[in-house]
Amino acid sequence: VKQIYLKVAKKLKEYGDQKYNQWREETKQLLPLLLKNTLLKVVPGGSATHVNPEASEESSVAEEPVTTNKNVHFIVNFDPKLREIILEAKHMEKLGFPVPETARYMALLEDKYL
C-alpha cells in the first residue's frame, strides 16, 4: 500500500510541476502581448454595443461606449485573460510558486487594473 501511495504521490507531483511550468511559459509569452493593447478602442460610426462585463467574462468590451462630438465611439479594450492571469498569479504566489515578474507586478496592482 505504501508503494502505491508513493507512486501516486510522485505522479501527482510530476503532473503539478508540468502544469505549473506550462502556465508560467504561457504567461510569460501572453502577458506582454496583452499589455501592448490599447485601453480604448475606436468604433467608427456609432456601432459600439453596450456589454456588461460581469455578465460576459469572454468579452473584451466593457460597460458603455463613450461618444465624442464627431460621432466616434470608444470602447474599453481590456482582455478578460488579463483578469485571469492576475488572479492566477495571486494564487500561485500564495501557494509558494515563483511567479513571472510582470505577472507579480500586475497582481500587486490588482485594484488598479480591475
N, C-alpha and C. Protein backbone atom coordinates (compact mmCIF):
# COMPACT_ATOMS: atom_id res chain seq x y z
N VAL A 1 0.83 -1.19 0.00
CA VAL A 1 0.00 0.00 0.00
C VAL A 1 0.88 1.25 0.00
N LYS A 2 1.94 1.20 0.78
CA LYS A 2 2.84 2.35 0.86
C LYS A 2 3.48 2.63 -0.49
N GLN A 3 3.88 1.58 -1.21
CA GLN A 3 4.49 1.74 -2.53
C GLN A 3 3.52 2.38 -3.51
N ILE A 4 2.27 1.95 -3.48
CA ILE A 4 1.25 2.51 -4.37
C ILE A 4 1.04 3.98 -4.04
N TYR A 5 0.98 4.30 -2.75
CA TYR A 5 0.82 5.69 -2.31
C TYR A 5 1.98 6.55 -2.82
N LEU A 6 3.20 6.06 -2.69
CA LEU A 6 4.38 6.81 -3.14
C LEU A 6 4.37 7.01 -4.66
N LYS A 7 3.94 5.99 -5.40
CA LYS A 7 3.85 6.11 -6.86
C LYS A 7 2.82 7.17 -7.26
N VAL A 8 1.65 7.13 -6.61
CA VAL A 8 0.59 8.10 -6.91
C VAL A 8 1.06 9.50 -6.54
N ALA A 9 1.69 9.64 -5.38
CA ALA A 9 2.18 10.95 -4.95
C ALA A 9 3.22 11.50 -5.93
N LYS A 10 4.09 10.64 -6.41
CA LYS A 10 5.12 11.06 -7.37
C LYS A 10 4.47 11.52 -8.69
N LYS A 11 3.50 10.76 -9.16
CA LYS A 11 2.80 11.12 -10.40
C LYS A 11 2.06 12.46 -10.24
N LEU A 12 1.41 12.63 -9.08
CA LEU A 12 0.70 13.89 -8.84
C LEU A 12 1.66 15.07 -8.80
N LYS A 13 2.81 14.89 -8.19
CA LYS A 13 3.83 15.95 -8.12
C LYS A 13 4.33 16.28 -9.52
N GLU A 14 4.60 15.27 -10.33
CA GLU A 14 5.05 15.49 -11.71
C GLU A 14 4.00 16.23 -12.52
N TYR A 15 2.75 15.84 -12.36
CA TYR A 15 1.65 16.49 -13.07
C TYR A 15 1.52 17.96 -12.65
N GLY A 16 1.59 18.21 -11.35
CA GLY A 16 1.51 19.59 -10.84
C GLY A 16 2.66 20.44 -11.36
N ASP A 17 3.86 19.90 -11.36
CA ASP A 17 5.02 20.63 -11.88
C ASP A 17 4.87 20.92 -13.37
N GLN A 18 4.37 19.94 -14.11
CA GLN A 18 4.16 20.12 -15.55
C GLN A 18 3.14 21.24 -15.81
N LYS A 19 2.04 21.24 -15.08
CA LYS A 19 1.00 22.25 -15.26
C LYS A 19 1.52 23.63 -14.88
N TYR A 20 2.30 23.71 -13.80
CA TYR A 20 2.87 24.99 -13.38
C TYR A 20 3.82 25.53 -14.45
N ASN A 21 4.72 24.68 -14.96
CA ASN A 21 5.67 25.12 -16.00
C ASN A 21 4.93 25.58 -17.25
N GLN A 22 3.87 24.88 -17.60
CA GLN A 22 3.06 25.26 -18.76
C GLN A 22 2.43 26.63 -18.53
N TRP A 23 1.85 26.85 -17.35
CA TRP A 23 1.25 28.14 -17.03
C TRP A 23 2.28 29.26 -17.06
N ARG A 24 3.45 29.02 -16.45
CA ARG A 24 4.50 30.04 -16.40
C ARG A 24 4.95 30.45 -17.80
N GLU A 25 5.18 29.48 -18.66
CA GLU A 25 5.63 29.79 -20.02
C GLU A 25 4.54 30.52 -20.81
N GLU A 26 3.29 30.06 -20.68
CA GLU A 26 2.18 30.72 -21.37
C GLU A 26 2.01 32.16 -20.90
N THR A 27 2.15 32.36 -19.60
CA THR A 27 2.01 33.70 -19.03
C THR A 27 3.14 34.60 -19.49
N LYS A 28 4.35 34.09 -19.51
CA LYS A 28 5.50 34.88 -19.97
C LYS A 28 5.33 35.33 -21.41
N GLN A 29 4.73 34.49 -22.24
CA GLN A 29 4.56 34.82 -23.65
C GLN A 29 3.34 35.70 -23.89
N LEU A 30 2.24 35.42 -23.22
CA LEU A 30 0.98 36.09 -23.49
C LEU A 30 0.86 37.46 -22.84
N LEU A 31 1.33 37.62 -21.62
CA LEU A 31 1.14 38.86 -20.88
C LEU A 31 1.71 40.09 -21.59
N PRO A 32 2.95 40.05 -22.10
CA PRO A 32 3.44 41.24 -22.80
C PRO A 32 2.58 41.62 -24.02
N LEU A 33 2.05 40.62 -24.71
CA LEU A 33 1.19 40.89 -25.87
C LEU A 33 -0.11 41.56 -25.44
N LEU A 34 -0.70 41.08 -24.36
CA LEU A 34 -1.95 41.65 -23.87
C LEU A 34 -1.75 43.07 -23.35
N LEU A 35 -0.60 43.33 -22.75
CA LEU A 35 -0.33 44.66 -22.20
C LEU A 35 -0.04 45.69 -23.28
N LYS A 36 0.29 45.23 -24.48
CA LYS A 36 0.55 46.16 -25.59
C LYS A 36 -0.74 46.71 -26.20
N ASN A 37 -1.86 46.04 -25.95
CA ASN A 37 -3.14 46.51 -26.48
C ASN A 37 -3.50 47.85 -25.87
N THR A 38 -4.12 48.70 -26.69
CA THR A 38 -4.56 49.98 -26.17
C THR A 38 -5.78 49.77 -25.28
N LEU A 39 -5.94 50.64 -24.30
CA LEU A 39 -7.04 50.50 -23.36
C LEU A 39 -8.37 50.90 -23.99
N LEU A 40 -8.34 51.89 -24.89
CA LEU A 40 -9.55 52.31 -25.59
C LEU A 40 -9.47 51.90 -27.04
N LYS A 41 -10.59 51.47 -27.57
CA LYS A 41 -10.67 51.04 -28.96
C LYS A 41 -11.70 51.92 -29.66
N VAL A 42 -11.35 52.43 -30.83
CA VAL A 42 -12.25 53.29 -31.58
C VAL A 42 -13.22 52.43 -32.39
N VAL A 43 -14.51 52.76 -32.28
CA VAL A 43 -15.54 52.09 -33.06
C VAL A 43 -16.19 53.17 -33.92
N PRO A 44 -15.86 53.20 -35.21
CA PRO A 44 -16.37 54.27 -36.07
C PRO A 44 -17.87 54.13 -36.35
N GLY A 45 -18.52 55.25 -36.52
CA GLY A 45 -19.91 55.28 -36.98
C GLY A 45 -20.95 54.88 -35.96
N GLY A 46 -20.64 54.86 -34.71
CA GLY A 46 -21.66 54.60 -33.70
C GLY A 46 -22.12 53.17 -33.59
N SER A 47 -21.28 52.21 -33.98
CA SER A 47 -21.70 50.81 -33.92
C SER A 47 -21.25 50.12 -32.63
N ALA A 48 -20.86 50.90 -31.63
CA ALA A 48 -20.45 50.32 -30.35
C ALA A 48 -21.66 49.71 -29.65
N THR A 49 -21.43 48.63 -28.94
CA THR A 49 -22.52 47.97 -28.24
C THR A 49 -22.30 48.08 -26.74
N HIS A 50 -23.38 48.03 -26.01
CA HIS A 50 -23.31 48.07 -24.56
C HIS A 50 -23.24 46.64 -24.04
N VAL A 51 -22.16 46.33 -23.30
CA VAL A 51 -21.98 44.99 -22.76
C VAL A 51 -21.62 45.13 -21.29
N ASN A 52 -22.29 44.36 -20.45
CA ASN A 52 -21.98 44.35 -19.04
C ASN A 52 -20.85 43.35 -18.80
N PRO A 53 -19.66 43.79 -18.32
CA PRO A 53 -18.53 42.88 -18.16
C PRO A 53 -18.77 41.79 -17.14
N GLU A 54 -19.66 42.02 -16.17
CA GLU A 54 -19.95 40.99 -15.17
C GLU A 54 -20.75 39.85 -15.79
N ALA A 55 -21.54 40.17 -16.80
CA ALA A 55 -22.39 39.15 -17.43
C ALA A 55 -21.64 38.35 -18.49
N SER A 56 -20.57 38.90 -19.03
CA SER A 56 -19.86 38.23 -20.11
C SER A 56 -18.37 38.24 -19.84
N GLU A 57 -17.84 37.17 -19.29
CA GLU A 57 -16.42 37.08 -18.99
C GLU A 57 -15.58 37.02 -20.26
N GLU A 58 -16.13 36.53 -21.34
CA GLU A 58 -15.37 36.35 -22.57
C GLU A 58 -15.23 37.63 -23.37
N SER A 59 -16.01 38.62 -23.08
CA SER A 59 -16.00 39.85 -23.87
C SER A 59 -14.84 40.74 -23.47
N SER A 60 -14.22 41.40 -24.46
CA SER A 60 -13.19 42.38 -24.14
C SER A 60 -13.78 43.78 -24.19
N VAL A 61 -15.08 43.88 -24.41
CA VAL A 61 -15.77 45.16 -24.42
C VAL A 61 -16.39 45.37 -23.06
N ALA A 62 -16.23 46.55 -22.49
CA ALA A 62 -16.76 46.77 -21.15
C ALA A 62 -17.72 47.95 -21.11
N GLU A 63 -18.61 47.90 -20.17
CA GLU A 63 -19.58 48.91 -19.81
C GLU A 63 -20.18 49.69 -20.98
N GLU A 64 -19.93 50.99 -21.10
CA GLU A 64 -20.65 51.81 -22.07
C GLU A 64 -19.70 52.45 -23.06
N PRO A 65 -20.13 52.65 -24.29
CA PRO A 65 -19.31 53.40 -25.23
C PRO A 65 -19.30 54.87 -24.86
N VAL A 66 -18.19 55.53 -25.14
CA VAL A 66 -18.07 56.96 -24.90
C VAL A 66 -18.09 57.65 -26.24
N THR A 67 -18.94 58.65 -26.41
CA THR A 67 -19.08 59.32 -27.69
C THR A 67 -18.45 60.69 -27.64
N THR A 68 -17.72 61.03 -28.72
CA THR A 68 -17.16 62.37 -28.84
C THR A 68 -18.08 63.19 -29.72
N ASN A 69 -17.74 64.43 -29.92
CA ASN A 69 -18.56 65.31 -30.75
C ASN A 69 -18.58 64.92 -32.22
N LYS A 70 -17.61 64.17 -32.68
CA LYS A 70 -17.50 63.82 -34.09
C LYS A 70 -18.10 62.46 -34.41
N ASN A 71 -18.98 61.96 -33.56
CA ASN A 71 -19.66 60.69 -33.77
C ASN A 71 -18.69 59.51 -33.84
N VAL A 72 -17.62 59.59 -33.07
CA VAL A 72 -16.69 58.47 -32.96
C VAL A 72 -16.90 57.89 -31.57
N HIS A 73 -17.01 56.56 -31.49
CA HIS A 73 -17.24 55.90 -30.21
C HIS A 73 -15.98 55.17 -29.77
N PHE A 74 -15.80 55.12 -28.46
CA PHE A 74 -14.69 54.39 -27.87
C PHE A 74 -15.27 53.31 -26.96
N ILE A 75 -14.61 52.15 -26.96
CA ILE A 75 -15.00 51.09 -26.03
C ILE A 75 -13.74 50.68 -25.26
N VAL A 76 -13.96 50.18 -24.06
CA VAL A 76 -12.84 49.70 -23.25
C VAL A 76 -12.37 48.37 -23.82
N ASN A 77 -11.08 48.26 -24.02
CA ASN A 77 -10.47 47.09 -24.63
C ASN A 77 -9.60 46.38 -23.59
N PHE A 78 -10.22 45.76 -22.60
CA PHE A 78 -9.50 45.05 -21.53
C PHE A 78 -9.79 43.57 -21.67
N ASP A 79 -8.81 42.83 -22.11
CA ASP A 79 -8.98 41.40 -22.36
C ASP A 79 -9.24 40.64 -21.05
N PRO A 80 -10.27 39.80 -20.99
CA PRO A 80 -10.57 39.03 -19.78
C PRO A 80 -9.42 38.11 -19.36
N LYS A 81 -8.56 37.78 -20.29
CA LYS A 81 -7.40 36.93 -19.97
C LYS A 81 -6.48 37.64 -18.97
N LEU A 82 -6.44 38.99 -19.01
CA LEU A 82 -5.63 39.73 -18.05
C LEU A 82 -6.14 39.51 -16.62
N ARG A 83 -7.45 39.55 -16.46
CA ARG A 83 -8.04 39.31 -15.14
C ARG A 83 -7.68 37.90 -14.66
N GLU A 84 -7.76 36.94 -15.55
CA GLU A 84 -7.44 35.56 -15.22
C GLU A 84 -5.98 35.43 -14.79
N ILE A 85 -5.07 36.06 -15.52
CA ILE A 85 -3.65 35.99 -15.19
C ILE A 85 -3.38 36.63 -13.83
N ILE A 86 -4.02 37.76 -13.55
CA ILE A 86 -3.83 38.43 -12.27
C ILE A 86 -4.26 37.52 -11.12
N LEU A 87 -5.44 36.92 -11.26
CA LEU A 87 -5.94 36.03 -10.20
C LEU A 87 -5.07 34.79 -10.05
N GLU A 88 -4.65 34.21 -11.16
CA GLU A 88 -3.79 33.02 -11.10
C GLU A 88 -2.45 33.35 -10.46
N ALA A 89 -1.89 34.50 -10.80
CA ALA A 89 -0.60 34.90 -10.22
C ALA A 89 -0.71 35.07 -8.71
N LYS A 90 -1.80 35.68 -8.26
CA LYS A 90 -2.02 35.83 -6.81
C LYS A 90 -2.07 34.47 -6.12
N HIS A 91 -2.82 33.55 -6.70
CA HIS A 91 -2.96 32.23 -6.09
C HIS A 91 -1.65 31.43 -6.15
N MET A 92 -0.95 31.52 -7.25
CA MET A 92 0.33 30.81 -7.38
C MET A 92 1.32 31.32 -6.34
N GLU A 93 1.34 32.62 -6.15
CA GLU A 93 2.25 33.20 -5.16
C GLU A 93 1.88 32.75 -3.75
N LYS A 94 0.59 32.68 -3.45
CA LYS A 94 0.14 32.20 -2.13
C LYS A 94 0.55 30.75 -1.90
N LEU A 95 0.59 29.98 -2.99
CA LEU A 95 0.98 28.57 -2.89
C LEU A 95 2.50 28.39 -2.84
N GLY A 96 3.23 29.50 -2.98
CA GLY A 96 4.69 29.43 -2.88
C GLY A 96 5.42 29.20 -4.19
N PHE A 97 4.71 29.28 -5.31
CA PHE A 97 5.37 29.10 -6.61
C PHE A 97 5.98 30.42 -7.06
N PRO A 98 7.15 30.37 -7.72
CA PRO A 98 7.70 31.58 -8.31
C PRO A 98 6.79 32.05 -9.45
N VAL A 99 6.54 33.33 -9.49
CA VAL A 99 5.63 33.91 -10.50
C VAL A 99 6.45 34.84 -11.39
N PRO A 100 6.20 34.84 -12.72
CA PRO A 100 6.92 35.77 -13.58
C PRO A 100 6.77 37.21 -13.07
N GLU A 101 7.83 37.98 -13.20
CA GLU A 101 7.88 39.32 -12.62
C GLU A 101 6.73 40.23 -13.08
N THR A 102 6.41 40.21 -14.35
CA THR A 102 5.33 41.05 -14.86
C THR A 102 3.99 40.64 -14.26
N ALA A 103 3.76 39.36 -14.15
CA ALA A 103 2.51 38.87 -13.57
C ALA A 103 2.44 39.23 -12.09
N ARG A 104 3.56 39.15 -11.39
CA ARG A 104 3.59 39.53 -9.97
C ARG A 104 3.28 41.01 -9.81
N TYR A 105 3.85 41.84 -10.66
CA TYR A 105 3.61 43.28 -10.60
C TYR A 105 2.13 43.58 -10.83
N MET A 106 1.53 42.92 -11.81
CA MET A 106 0.10 43.13 -12.08
C MET A 106 -0.75 42.66 -10.91
N ALA A 107 -0.38 41.55 -10.29
CA ALA A 107 -1.15 41.04 -9.15
C ALA A 107 -1.06 42.01 -7.97
N LEU A 108 0.10 42.63 -7.79
CA LEU A 108 0.24 43.60 -6.71
C LEU A 108 -0.61 44.85 -6.94
N LEU A 109 -0.82 45.17 -8.21
CA LEU A 109 -1.63 46.36 -8.56
C LEU A 109 -3.02 45.97 -9.03
N GLU A 110 -3.52 44.85 -8.52
CA GLU A 110 -4.81 44.32 -8.95
C GLU A 110 -5.93 45.36 -8.86
N ASP A 111 -5.98 46.11 -7.77
CA ASP A 111 -7.05 47.09 -7.59
C ASP A 111 -7.01 48.19 -8.63
N LYS A 112 -5.86 48.48 -9.21
CA LYS A 112 -5.76 49.50 -10.26
C LYS A 112 -6.17 48.96 -11.63
N TYR A 113 -5.97 47.65 -11.85
CA TYR A 113 -6.30 47.04 -13.13
C TYR A 113 -7.76 46.60 -13.20
N LEU A 114 -8.29 46.10 -12.11
CA LEU A 114 -9.65 45.54 -12.14
C LEU A 114 -10.60 46.48 -11.53
